[in-house]
Amino acid sequence: MKVGHVPLIPYHRPGNPRAASLVAQVIASYGERGTPIRAVMLERLCPNVWHDTPAAAMATLEELQDTARLWTLSKPKPALLADIQIYELRQTFGARW
């Protein structure tokens, strides 16, 4: 419930300023649509997460890792949630995404 959308940023070598620029563009794009994000996945590298406090960012990272692990191990892959199910999660847990 903490993570929400996690856009994939195309691969760039570590330290390439273009990756940072793409992350900034994605954050702005989601913000303009009223869909704040808490994480991005840098293709072939790692997730990057942020939040209001370091502890909240760590909780977001832990949830992202747990969700990725469950998804990877699931066979068959679960169906995507319906819009009404996502809405219910947002309302129940106060998620901003």
PDB file of N, CA and C in Angstrom:
ATOM      1  N   MET A   1       0.807  -1.199   0.000  1.00  0.00           N
ATOM      2  CA  MET A   1       0.000   0.000   0.000  1.00  0.00           C
ATOM      3  C   MET A   1       0.851   1.263   0.000  1.00  0.00           C
ATOM      4  N   LYS A   2       2.152   1.106   0.256  1.00  0.00           N
ATOM      5  CA  LYS A   2       3.027   2.270   0.317  1.00  0.00           C
ATOM      6  C   LYS A   2       3.651   2.614  -1.026  1.00  0.00           C
ATOM      7  N   VAL A   3       3.759   1.630  -1.910  1.00  0.00           N
ATOM      8  CA  VAL A   3       4.545   1.828  -3.118  1.00  0.00           C
ATOM      9  C   VAL A   3       3.750   2.471  -4.241  1.00  0.00           C
ATOM     10  N   GLY A   4       2.651   1.892  -4.648  1.00  0.00           N
ATOM     11  CA  GLY A   4       1.887   2.425  -5.772  1.00  0.00           C
ATOM     12  C   GLY A   4       2.584   2.152  -7.089  1.00  0.00           C
ATOM     13  N   HIS A   5       2.528   3.086  -7.992  1.00  0.00           N
ATOM     14  CA  HIS A   5       3.140   2.940  -9.312  1.00  0.00           C
ATOM     15  C   HIS A   5       4.666   2.996  -9.197  1.00  0.00           C
ATOM     16  N   VAL A   6       5.335   2.138  -9.966  1.00  0.00           N
ATOM     17  CA  VAL A   6       6.801   2.134 -10.005  1.00  0.00           C
ATOM     18  C   VAL A   6       7.227   2.135 -11.475  1.00  0.00           C
ATOM     19  N   PRO A   7       7.415   3.318 -12.058  1.00  0.00           N
ATOM     20  CA  PRO A   7       7.820   3.392 -13.463  1.00  0.00           C
ATOM     21  C   PRO A   7       9.220   2.822 -13.676  1.00  0.00           C
ATOM     22  N   LEU A   8       9.417   2.243 -14.845  1.00  0.00           N
ATOM     23  CA  LEU A   8      10.710   1.704 -15.236  1.00  0.00           C
ATOM     24  C   LEU A   8      11.470   2.760 -16.041  1.00  0.00           C
ATOM     25  N   ILE A   9      12.671   3.066 -15.597  1.00  0.00           N
ATOM     26  CA  ILE A   9      13.540   4.026 -16.281  1.00  0.00           C
ATOM     27  C   ILE A   9      14.515   3.224 -17.145  1.00  0.00           C
ATOM     28  N   PRO A  10      14.574   3.495 -18.457  1.00  0.00           N
ATOM     29  CA  PRO A  10      15.466   2.733 -19.330  1.00  0.00           C
ATOM     30  C   PRO A  10      16.921   2.762 -18.839  1.00  0.00           C
ATOM     31  N   TYR A  11      17.645   1.709 -19.164  1.00  0.00           N
ATOM     32  CA  TYR A  11      19.025   1.572 -18.711  1.00  0.00           C
ATOM     33  C   TYR A  11      19.919   2.709 -19.202  1.00  0.00           C
ATOM     34  N   HIS A  12      20.709   3.202 -18.272  1.00  0.00           N
ATOM     35  CA  HIS A  12      21.835   4.101 -18.519  1.00  0.00           C
ATOM     36  C   HIS A  12      22.922   3.669 -17.543  1.00  0.00           C
ATOM     37  N   ARG A  13      24.149   3.806 -17.916  1.00  0.00           N
ATOM     38  CA  ARG A  13      25.219   3.386 -17.019  1.00  0.00           C
ATOM     39  C   ARG A  13      25.101   4.138 -15.693  1.00  0.00           C
ATOM     40  N   PRO A  14      25.564   3.532 -14.591  1.00  0.00           N
ATOM     41  CA  PRO A  14      25.529   4.228 -13.302  1.00  0.00           C
ATOM     42  C   PRO A  14      26.237   5.579 -13.384  1.00  0.00           C
ATOM     43  N   GLY A  15      25.595   6.589 -12.840  1.00  0.00           N
ATOM     44  CA  GLY A  15      26.157   7.933 -12.826  1.00  0.00           C
ATOM     45  C   GLY A  15      25.841   8.784 -14.043  1.00  0.00           C
ATOM     46  N   ASN A  16      25.183   8.204 -15.039  1.00  0.00           N
ATOM     47  CA  ASN A  16      24.847   8.968 -16.242  1.00  0.00           C
ATOM     48  C   ASN A  16      23.791  10.011 -15.897  1.00  0.00           C
ATOM     49  N   PRO A  17      24.062  11.297 -16.139  1.00  0.00           N
ATOM     50  CA  PRO A  17      23.100  12.347 -15.808  1.00  0.00           C
ATOM     51  C   PRO A  17      21.769  12.203 -16.547  1.00  0.00           C
ATOM     52  N   ARG A  18      21.761  11.521 -17.672  1.00  0.00           N
ATOM     53  CA  ARG A  18      20.516  11.324 -18.425  1.00  0.00           C
ATOM     54  C   ARG A  18      19.505  10.517 -17.603  1.00  0.00           C
ATOM     55  N   ALA A  19      19.988   9.556 -16.823  1.00  0.00           N
ATOM     56  CA  ALA A  19      19.086   8.771 -15.969  1.00  0.00           C
ATOM     57  C   ALA A  19      18.396   9.680 -14.952  1.00  0.00           C
ATOM     58  N   ALA A  20      19.157  10.558 -14.331  1.00  0.00           N
ATOM     59  CA  ALA A  20      18.574  11.491 -13.357  1.00  0.00           C
ATOM     60  C   ALA A  20      17.547  12.395 -14.018  1.00  0.00           C
ATOM     61  N   SER A  21      17.850  12.840 -15.224  1.00  0.00           N
ATOM     62  CA  SER A  21      16.919  13.683 -15.966  1.00  0.00           C
ATOM     63  C   SER A  21      15.616  12.937 -16.262  1.00  0.00           C
ATOM     64  N   LEU A  22      15.731  11.674 -16.652  1.00  0.00           N
ATOM     65  CA  LEU A  22      14.526  10.873 -16.927  1.00  0.00           C
ATOM     66  C   LEU A  22      13.707  10.654 -15.665  1.00  0.00           C
ATOM     67  N   VAL A  23      14.378  10.410 -14.552  1.00  0.00           N
ATOM     68  CA  VAL A  23      13.658  10.245 -13.281  1.00  0.00           C
ATOM     69  C   VAL A  23      12.884  11.516 -12.951  1.00  0.00           C
ATOM     70  N   ALA A  24      13.519  12.661 -13.089  1.00  0.00           N
ATOM     71  CA  ALA A  24      12.847  13.940 -12.817  1.00  0.00           C
ATOM     72  C   ALA A  24      11.646  14.132 -13.734  1.00  0.00           C
ATOM     73  N   GLN A  25      11.799  13.782 -15.015  1.00  0.00           N
ATOM     74  CA  GLN A  25      10.690  13.914 -15.959  1.00  0.00           C
ATOM     75  C   GLN A  25       9.520  13.006 -15.581  1.00  0.00           C
ATOM     76  N   VAL A  26       9.818  11.784 -15.170  1.00  0.00           N
ATOM     77  CA  VAL A  26       8.764  10.838 -14.797  1.00  0.00           C
ATOM     78  C   VAL A  26       8.038  11.321 -13.545  1.00  0.00           C
ATOM     79  N   ILE A  27       8.782  11.791 -12.552  1.00  0.00           N
ATOM     80  CA  ILE A  27       8.157  12.304 -11.330  1.00  0.00           C
ATOM     81  C   ILE A  27       7.234  13.466 -11.672  1.00  0.00           C
ATOM     82  N   ALA A  28       7.701  14.385 -12.502  1.00  0.00           N
ATOM     83  CA  ALA A  28       6.880  15.540 -12.895  1.00  0.00           C
ATOM     84  C   ALA A  28       5.649  15.097 -13.672  1.00  0.00           C
ATOM     85  N   SER A  29       5.830  14.155 -14.579  1.00  0.00           N
ATOM     86  CA  SER A  29       4.710  13.672 -15.396  1.00  0.00           C
ATOM     87  C   SER A  29       3.620  13.042 -14.534  1.00  0.00           C
ATOM     88  N   TYR A  30       4.010  12.200 -13.603  1.00  0.00           N
ATOM     89  CA  TYR A  30       3.020  11.591 -12.713  1.00  0.00           C
ATOM     90  C   TYR A  30       2.367  12.648 -11.831  1.00  0.00           C
ATOM     91  N   GLY A  31       3.155  13.591 -11.345  1.00  0.00           N
ATOM     92  CA  GLY A  31       2.610  14.664 -10.508  1.00  0.00           C
ATOM     93  C   GLY A  31       1.583  15.503 -11.238  1.00  0.00           C
ATOM     94  N   GLU A  32       1.846  15.792 -12.514  1.00  0.00           N
ATOM     95  CA  GLU A  32       0.897  16.569 -13.315  1.00  0.00           C
ATOM     96  C   GLU A  32      -0.430  15.840 -13.479  1.00  0.00           C
ATOM     97  N   ARG A  33      -0.390  14.519 -13.464  1.00  0.00           N
ATOM     98  CA  ARG A  33      -1.620  13.717 -13.581  1.00  0.00           C
ATOM     99  C   ARG A  33      -2.279  13.479 -12.235  1.00  0.00           C
ATOM    100  N   GLY A  34      -1.690  14.035 -11.163  1.00  0.00           N
ATOM    101  CA  GLY A  34      -2.258  13.846  -9.830  1.00  0.00           C
ATOM    102  C   GLY A  34      -1.978  12.469  -9.261  1.00  0.00           C
ATOM    103  N   THR A  35      -0.930  11.829  -9.751  1.00  0.00           N
ATOM    104  CA  THR A  35      -0.568  10.485  -9.295  1.00  0.00           C
ATOM    105  C   THR A  35       0.866  10.519  -8.779  1.00  0.00           C
ATOM    106  N   PRO A  36       1.052  10.892  -7.522  1.00  0.00           N
ATOM    107  CA  PRO A  36       2.417  10.943  -7.003  1.00  0.00           C
ATOM    108  C   PRO A  36       3.023   9.538  -6.949  1.00  0.00           C
ATOM    109  N   ILE A  37       4.337   9.470  -7.103  1.00  0.00           N
ATOM    110  CA  ILE A  37       5.019   8.191  -7.025  1.00  0.00           C
ATOM    111  C   ILE A  37       6.045   8.236  -5.908  1.00  0.00           C
ATOM    112  N   ARG A  38       6.382   7.071  -5.382  1.00  0.00           N
ATOM    113  CA  ARG A  38       7.345   6.931  -4.294  1.00  0.00           C
ATOM    114  C   ARG A  38       8.585   6.152  -4.710  1.00  0.00           C
ATOM    115  N   ALA A  39       8.597   5.667  -5.966  1.00  0.00           N
ATOM    116  CA  ALA A  39       9.721   4.835  -6.393  1.00  0.00           C
ATOM    117  C   ALA A  39       9.809   4.803  -7.913  1.00  0.00           C
ATOM    118  N   VAL A  40      10.999   4.534  -8.390  1.00  0.00           N
ATOM    119  CA  VAL A  40      11.230   4.207  -9.794  1.00  0.00           C
ATOM    120  C   VAL A  40      12.170   3.006  -9.807  1.00  0.00           C
ATOM    121  N   MET A  41      12.120   2.248 -10.889  1.00  0.00           N
ATOM    122  CA  MET A  41      13.043   1.132 -11.075  1.00  0.00           C
ATOM    123  C   MET A  41      14.005   1.517 -12.186  1.00  0.00           C
ATOM    124  N   LEU A  42      15.281   1.541 -11.879  1.00  0.00           N
ATOM    125  CA  LEU A  42      16.299   1.799 -12.882  1.00  0.00           C
ATOM    126  C   LEU A  42      16.626   0.462 -13.538  1.00  0.00           C
ATOM    127  N   GLU A  43      16.276   0.332 -14.818  1.00  0.00           N
ATOM    128  CA  GLU A  43      16.418  -0.938 -15.525  1.00  0.00           C
ATOM    129  C   GLU A  43      17.838  -1.490 -15.378  1.00  0.00           C
ATOM    130  N   ARG A  44      17.917  -2.738 -14.996  1.00  0.00           N
ATOM    131  CA  ARG A  44      19.167  -3.489 -14.811  1.00  0.00           C
ATOM    132  C   ARG A  44      20.019  -2.983 -13.661  1.00  0.00           C
ATOM    133  N   LEU A  45      19.503  -2.042 -12.866  1.00  0.00           N
ATOM    134  CA  LEU A  45      20.293  -1.520 -11.756  1.00  0.00           C
ATOM    135  C   LEU A  45      19.607  -1.754 -10.418  1.00  0.00           C
ATOM    136  N   CYS A  46      18.598  -0.953 -10.114  1.00  0.00           N
ATOM    137  CA  CYS A  46      18.014  -1.046  -8.775  1.00  0.00           C
ATOM    138  C   CYS A  46      16.785  -0.148  -8.666  1.00  0.00           C
ATOM    139  N   PRO A  47      16.004  -0.371  -7.609  1.00  0.00           N
ATOM    140  CA  PRO A  47      14.926   0.574  -7.329  1.00  0.00           C
ATOM    141  C   PRO A  47      15.483   1.793  -6.602  1.00  0.00           C
ATOM    142  N   ASN A  48      14.841   2.908  -6.782  1.00  0.00           N
ATOM    143  CA  ASN A  48      15.099   4.116  -5.997  1.00  0.00           C
ATOM    144  C   ASN A  48      13.782   4.511  -5.361  1.00  0.00           C
ATOM    145  N   VAL A  49      13.787   4.686  -4.050  1.00  0.00           N
ATOM    146  CA  VAL A  49      12.568   5.070  -3.330  1.00  0.00           C
ATOM    147  C   VAL A  49      12.829   6.329  -2.519  1.00  0.00           C
ATOM    148  N   TRP A  50      11.749   7.020  -2.183  1.00  0.00           N
ATOM    149  CA  TRP A  50      11.837   8.206  -1.345  1.00  0.00           C
ATOM    150  C   TRP A  50      10.525   8.353  -0.591  1.00  0.00           C
ATOM    151  N   HIS A  51      10.556   9.106   0.483  1.00  0.00           N
ATOM    152  CA  HIS A  51       9.355   9.337   1.287  1.00  0.00           C
ATOM    153  C   HIS A  51       9.632  10.527   2.194  1.00  0.00           C
ATOM    154  N   ASP A  52       8.735  10.782   3.128  1.00  0.00           N
ATOM    155  CA  ASP A  52       8.857  11.938   4.018  1.00  0.00           C
ATOM    156  C   ASP A  52       9.980  11.786   5.038  1.00  0.00           C
ATOM    157  N   THR A  53      10.276  10.549   5.428  1.00  0.00           N
ATOM    158  CA  THR A  53      11.334  10.278   6.400  1.00  0.00           C
ATOM    159  C   THR A  53      12.151   9.078   5.919  1.00  0.00           C
ATOM    160  N   PRO A  54      13.365   8.913   6.422  1.00  0.00           N
ATOM    161  CA  PRO A  54      14.133   7.724   6.055  1.00  0.00           C
ATOM    162  C   PRO A  54      13.414   6.426   6.445  1.00  0.00           C
ATOM    163  N   ALA A  55      12.759   6.407   7.588  1.00  0.00           N
ATOM    164  CA  ALA A  55      12.047   5.195   8.018  1.00  0.00           C
ATOM    165  C   ALA A  55      10.901   4.868   7.063  1.00  0.00           C
ATOM    166  N   ALA A  56      10.173   5.876   6.625  1.00  0.00           N
ATOM    167  CA  ALA A  56       9.069   5.646   5.685  1.00  0.00           C
ATOM    168  C   ALA A  56       9.600   5.184   4.335  1.00  0.00           C
ATOM    169  N   ALA A  57      10.744   5.734   3.903  1.00  0.00           N
ATOM    170  CA  ALA A  57      11.350   5.289   2.641  1.00  0.00           C
ATOM    171  C   ALA A  57      11.789   3.835   2.758  1.00  0.00           C
ATOM    172  N   MET A  58      12.333   3.452   3.896  1.00  0.00           N
ATOM    173  CA  MET A  58      12.758   2.068   4.096  1.00  0.00           C
ATOM    174  C   MET A  58      11.561   1.123   4.070  1.00  0.00           C
ATOM    175  N   ALA A  59      10.452   1.528   4.687  1.00  0.00           N
ATOM    176  CA  ALA A  59       9.244   0.703   4.656  1.00  0.00           C
ATOM    177  C   ALA A  59       8.736   0.546   3.224  1.00  0.00           C
ATOM    178  N   THR A  60       8.839   1.600   2.433  1.00  0.00           N
ATOM    179  CA  THR A  60       8.435   1.535   1.030  1.00  0.00           C
ATOM    180  C   THR A  60       9.323   0.565   0.263  1.00  0.00           C
ATOM    181  N   LEU A  61      10.631   0.638   0.483  1.00  0.00           N
ATOM    182  CA  LEU A  61      11.560  -0.272  -0.178  1.00  0.00           C
ATOM    183  C   LEU A  61      11.287  -1.718   0.219  1.00  0.00           C
ATOM    184  N   GLU A  62      11.040  -1.963   1.491  1.00  0.00           N
ATOM    185  CA  GLU A  62      10.753  -3.323   1.948  1.00  0.00           C
ATOM    186  C   GLU A  62       9.489  -3.869   1.292  1.00  0.00           C
ATOM    187  N   GLU A  63       8.459  -3.033   1.187  1.00  0.00           N
ATOM    188  CA  GLU A  63       7.227  -3.493   0.542  1.00  0.00           C
ATOM    189  C   GLU A  63       7.455  -3.767  -0.945  1.00  0.00           C
ATOM    190  N   LEU A  64       8.220  -2.919  -1.591  1.00  0.00           N
ATOM    191  CA  LEU A  64       8.532  -3.126  -3.003  1.00  0.00           C
ATOM    192  C   LEU A  64       9.280  -4.445  -3.196  1.00  0.00           C
ATOM    193  N   GLN A  65      10.269  -4.713  -2.348  1.00  0.00           N
ATOM    194  CA  GLN A  65      11.029  -5.957  -2.454  1.00  0.00           C
ATOM    195  C   GLN A  65      10.139  -7.175  -2.194  1.00  0.00           C
ATOM    196  N   ASP A  66       9.292  -7.100  -1.173  1.00  0.00           N
ATOM    197  CA  ASP A  66       8.388  -8.215  -0.870  1.00  0.00           C
ATOM    198  C   ASP A  66       7.419  -8.468  -2.013  1.00  0.00           C
ATOM    199  N   THR A  67       6.869  -7.403  -2.580  1.00  0.00           N
ATOM    200  CA  THR A  67       5.927  -7.542  -3.696  1.00  0.00           C
ATOM    201  C   THR A  67       6.624  -8.149  -4.916  1.00  0.00           C
ATOM    202  N   ALA A  68       7.827  -7.682  -5.207  1.00  0.00           N
ATOM    203  CA  ALA A  68       8.584  -8.222  -6.344  1.00  0.00           C
ATOM    204  C   ALA A  68       8.889  -9.699  -6.128  1.00  0.00           C
ATOM    205  N   ARG A  69       9.249 -10.059  -4.918  1.00  0.00           N
ATOM    206  CA  ARG A  69       9.542 -11.468  -4.619  1.00  0.00           C
ATOM    207  C   ARG A  69       8.304 -12.335  -4.813  1.00  0.00           C
ATOM    208  N   LEU A  70       7.174 -11.889  -4.272  1.00  0.00           N
ATOM    209  CA  LEU A  70       5.934 -12.651  -4.420  1.00  0.00           C
ATOM    210  C   LEU A  70       5.532 -12.776  -5.887  1.00  0.00           C
ATOM    211  N   TRP A  71       5.680 -11.694  -6.638  1.00  0.00           N
ATOM    212  CA  TRP A  71       5.326 -11.711  -8.063  1.00  0.00           C
ATOM    213  C   TRP A  71       6.211 -12.709  -8.812  1.00  0.00           C
ATOM    214  N   THR A  72       7.507 -12.667  -8.512  1.00  0.00           N
ATOM    215  CA  THR A  72       8.458 -13.557  -9.186  1.00  0.00           C
ATOM    216  C   THR A  72       8.156 -15.022  -8.895  1.00  0.00           C
ATOM    217  N   LEU A  73       7.760 -15.326  -7.678  1.00  0.00           N
ATOM    218  CA  LEU A  73       7.513 -16.711  -7.287  1.00  0.00           C
ATOM    219  C   LEU A  73       6.124 -17.214  -7.663  1.00  0.00           C
ATOM    220  N   SER A  74       5.214 -16.331  -8.009  1.00  0.00           N
ATOM    221  CA  SER A  74       3.830 -16.725  -8.312  1.00  0.00           C
ATOM    222  C   SER A  74       3.734 -17.428  -9.662  1.00  0.00           C
ATOM    223  N   LYS A  75       3.066 -18.569  -9.644  1.00  0.00           N
ATOM    224  CA  LYS A  75       2.792 -19.313 -10.877  1.00  0.00           C
ATOM    225  C   LYS A  75       1.418 -19.929 -10.736  1.00  0.00           C
ATOM    226  N   PRO A  76       0.487 -19.589 -11.573  1.00  0.00           N
ATOM    227  CA  PRO A  76       0.556 -18.571 -12.626  1.00  0.00           C
ATOM    228  C   PRO A  76       0.551 -17.169 -12.021  1.00  0.00           C
ATOM    229  N   LYS A  77       0.898 -16.199 -12.821  1.00  0.00           N
ATOM    230  CA  LYS A  77       0.907 -14.810 -12.356  1.00  0.00           C
ATOM    231  C   LYS A  77      -0.522 -14.373 -12.047  1.00  0.00           C
ATOM    232  N   PRO A  78      -0.714 -13.676 -10.925  1.00  0.00           N
ATOM    233  CA  PRO A  78      -2.057 -13.208 -10.593  1.00  0.00           C
ATOM    234  C   PRO A  78      -2.549 -12.157 -11.578  1.00  0.00           C
ATOM    235  N   ALA A  79      -3.855 -12.095 -11.735  1.00  0.00           N
ATOM    236  CA  ALA A  79      -4.462 -11.067 -12.592  1.00  0.00           C
ATOM    237  C   ALA A  79      -4.269  -9.699 -11.944  1.00  0.00           C
ATOM    238  N   LEU A  80      -4.223  -8.669 -12.764  1.00  0.00           N
ATOM    239  CA  LEU A  80      -4.137  -7.315 -12.241  1.00  0.00           C
ATOM    240  C   LEU A  80      -5.405  -6.980 -11.477  1.00  0.00           C
ATOM    241  N   LEU A  81      -5.289  -6.112 -10.486  1.00  0.00           N
ATOM    242  CA  LEU A  81      -6.465  -5.688  -9.733  1.00  0.00           C
ATOM    243  C   LEU A  81      -7.354  -4.806 -10.605  1.00  0.00           C
ATOM    244  N   ALA A  82      -8.645  -4.910 -10.378  1.00  0.00           N
ATOM    245  CA  ALA A  82      -9.601  -4.053 -11.071  1.00  0.00           C
ATOM    246  C   ALA A  82      -9.541  -2.648 -10.474  1.00  0.00           C
ATOM    247  N   ASP A  83      -9.999  -1.671 -11.225  1.00  0.00           N
ATOM    248  CA  ASP A  83      -9.987  -0.284 -10.756  1.00  0.00           C
ATOM    249  C   ASP A  83     -10.698  -0.130  -9.423  1.00  0.00           C
ATOM    250  N   ILE A  84     -11.811  -0.814  -9.229  1.00  0.00           N
ATOM    251  CA  ILE A  84     -12.555  -0.704  -7.971  1.00  0.00           C
ATOM    252  C   ILE A  84     -11.753  -1.271  -6.806  1.00  0.00           C
ATOM    253  N   GLN A  85     -10.983  -2.316  -7.063  1.00  0.00           N
ATOM    254  CA  GLN A  85     -10.142  -2.888  -6.011  1.00  0.00           C
ATOM    255  C   GLN A  85      -9.007  -1.927  -5.638  1.00  0.00           C
ATOM    256  N   ILE A  86      -8.437  -1.286  -6.627  1.00  0.00           N
ATOM    257  CA  ILE A  86      -7.383  -0.307  -6.361  1.00  0.00           C
ATOM    258  C   ILE A  86      -7.961   0.884  -5.602  1.00  0.00           C
ATOM    259  N   TYR A  87      -9.143   1.327  -5.997  1.00  0.00           N
ATOM    260  CA  TYR A  87      -9.812   2.427  -5.300  1.00  0.00           C
ATOM    261  C   TYR A  87     -10.041   2.066  -3.831  1.00  0.00           C
ATOM    262  N   GLU A  88     -10.497   0.843  -3.579  1.00  0.00           N
ATOM    263  CA  GLU A  88     -10.743   0.398  -2.201  1.00  0.00           C
ATOM    264  C   GLU A  88      -9.448   0.410  -1.388  1.00  0.00           C
ATOM    265  N   LEU A  89      -8.356  -0.039  -1.976  1.00  0.00           N
ATOM    266  CA  LEU A  89      -7.073  -0.008  -1.274  1.00  0.00           C
ATOM    267  C   LEU A  89      -6.669   1.425  -0.947  1.00  0.00           C
ATOM    268  N   ARG A  90      -6.838   2.315  -1.901  1.00  0.00           N
ATOM    269  CA  ARG A  90      -6.484   3.720  -1.669  1.00  0.00           C
ATOM    270  C   ARG A  90      -7.296   4.303  -0.517  1.00  0.00           C
ATOM    271  N   GLN A  91      -8.577   4.021  -0.508  1.00  0.00           N
ATOM    272  CA  GLN A  91      -9.451   4.557   0.535  1.00  0.00           C
ATOM    273  C   GLN A  91      -9.132   3.944   1.902  1.00  0.00           C
ATOM    274  N   THR A  92      -8.938   2.649   1.922  1.00  0.00           N
ATOM    275  CA  THR A  92      -8.706   1.952   3.189  1.00  0.00           C
ATOM    276  C   THR A  92      -7.387   2.348   3.833  1.00  0.00           C
ATOM    277  N   PHE A  93      -6.342   2.474   3.015  1.00  0.00           N
ATOM    278  CA  PHE A  93      -5.021   2.717   3.563  1.00  0.00           C
ATOM    279  C   PHE A  93      -4.524   4.151   3.374  1.00  0.00           C
ATOM    280  N   GLY A  94      -5.376   5.024   2.844  1.00  0.00           N
ATOM    281  CA  GLY A  94      -5.001   6.415   2.671  1.00  0.00           C
ATOM    282  C   GLY A  94      -3.857   6.608   1.690  1.00  0.00           C
ATOM    283  N   ALA A  95      -3.739   5.701   0.720  1.00  0.00           N
ATOM    284  CA  ALA A  95      -2.663   5.796  -0.267  1.00  0.00           C
ATOM    285  C   ALA A  95      -2.929   6.967  -1.207  1.00  0.00           C
ATOM    286  N   ARG A  96      -1.885   7.730  -1.507  1.00  0.00           N
ATOM    287  CA  ARG A  96      -2.041   8.889  -2.404  1.00  0.00           C
ATOM    288  C   ARG A  96      -1.881   8.514  -3.859  1.00  0.00           C
ATOM    289  N   TRP A  97      -1.395   7.367  -4.157  1.00  0.00           N
ATOM    290  CA  TRP A  97      -1.184   6.982  -5.549  1.00  0.00           C
ATOM    291  C   TRP A  97      -2.495   6.576  -6.076  1.00  0.00           C
TER     292      TRP A  97
END
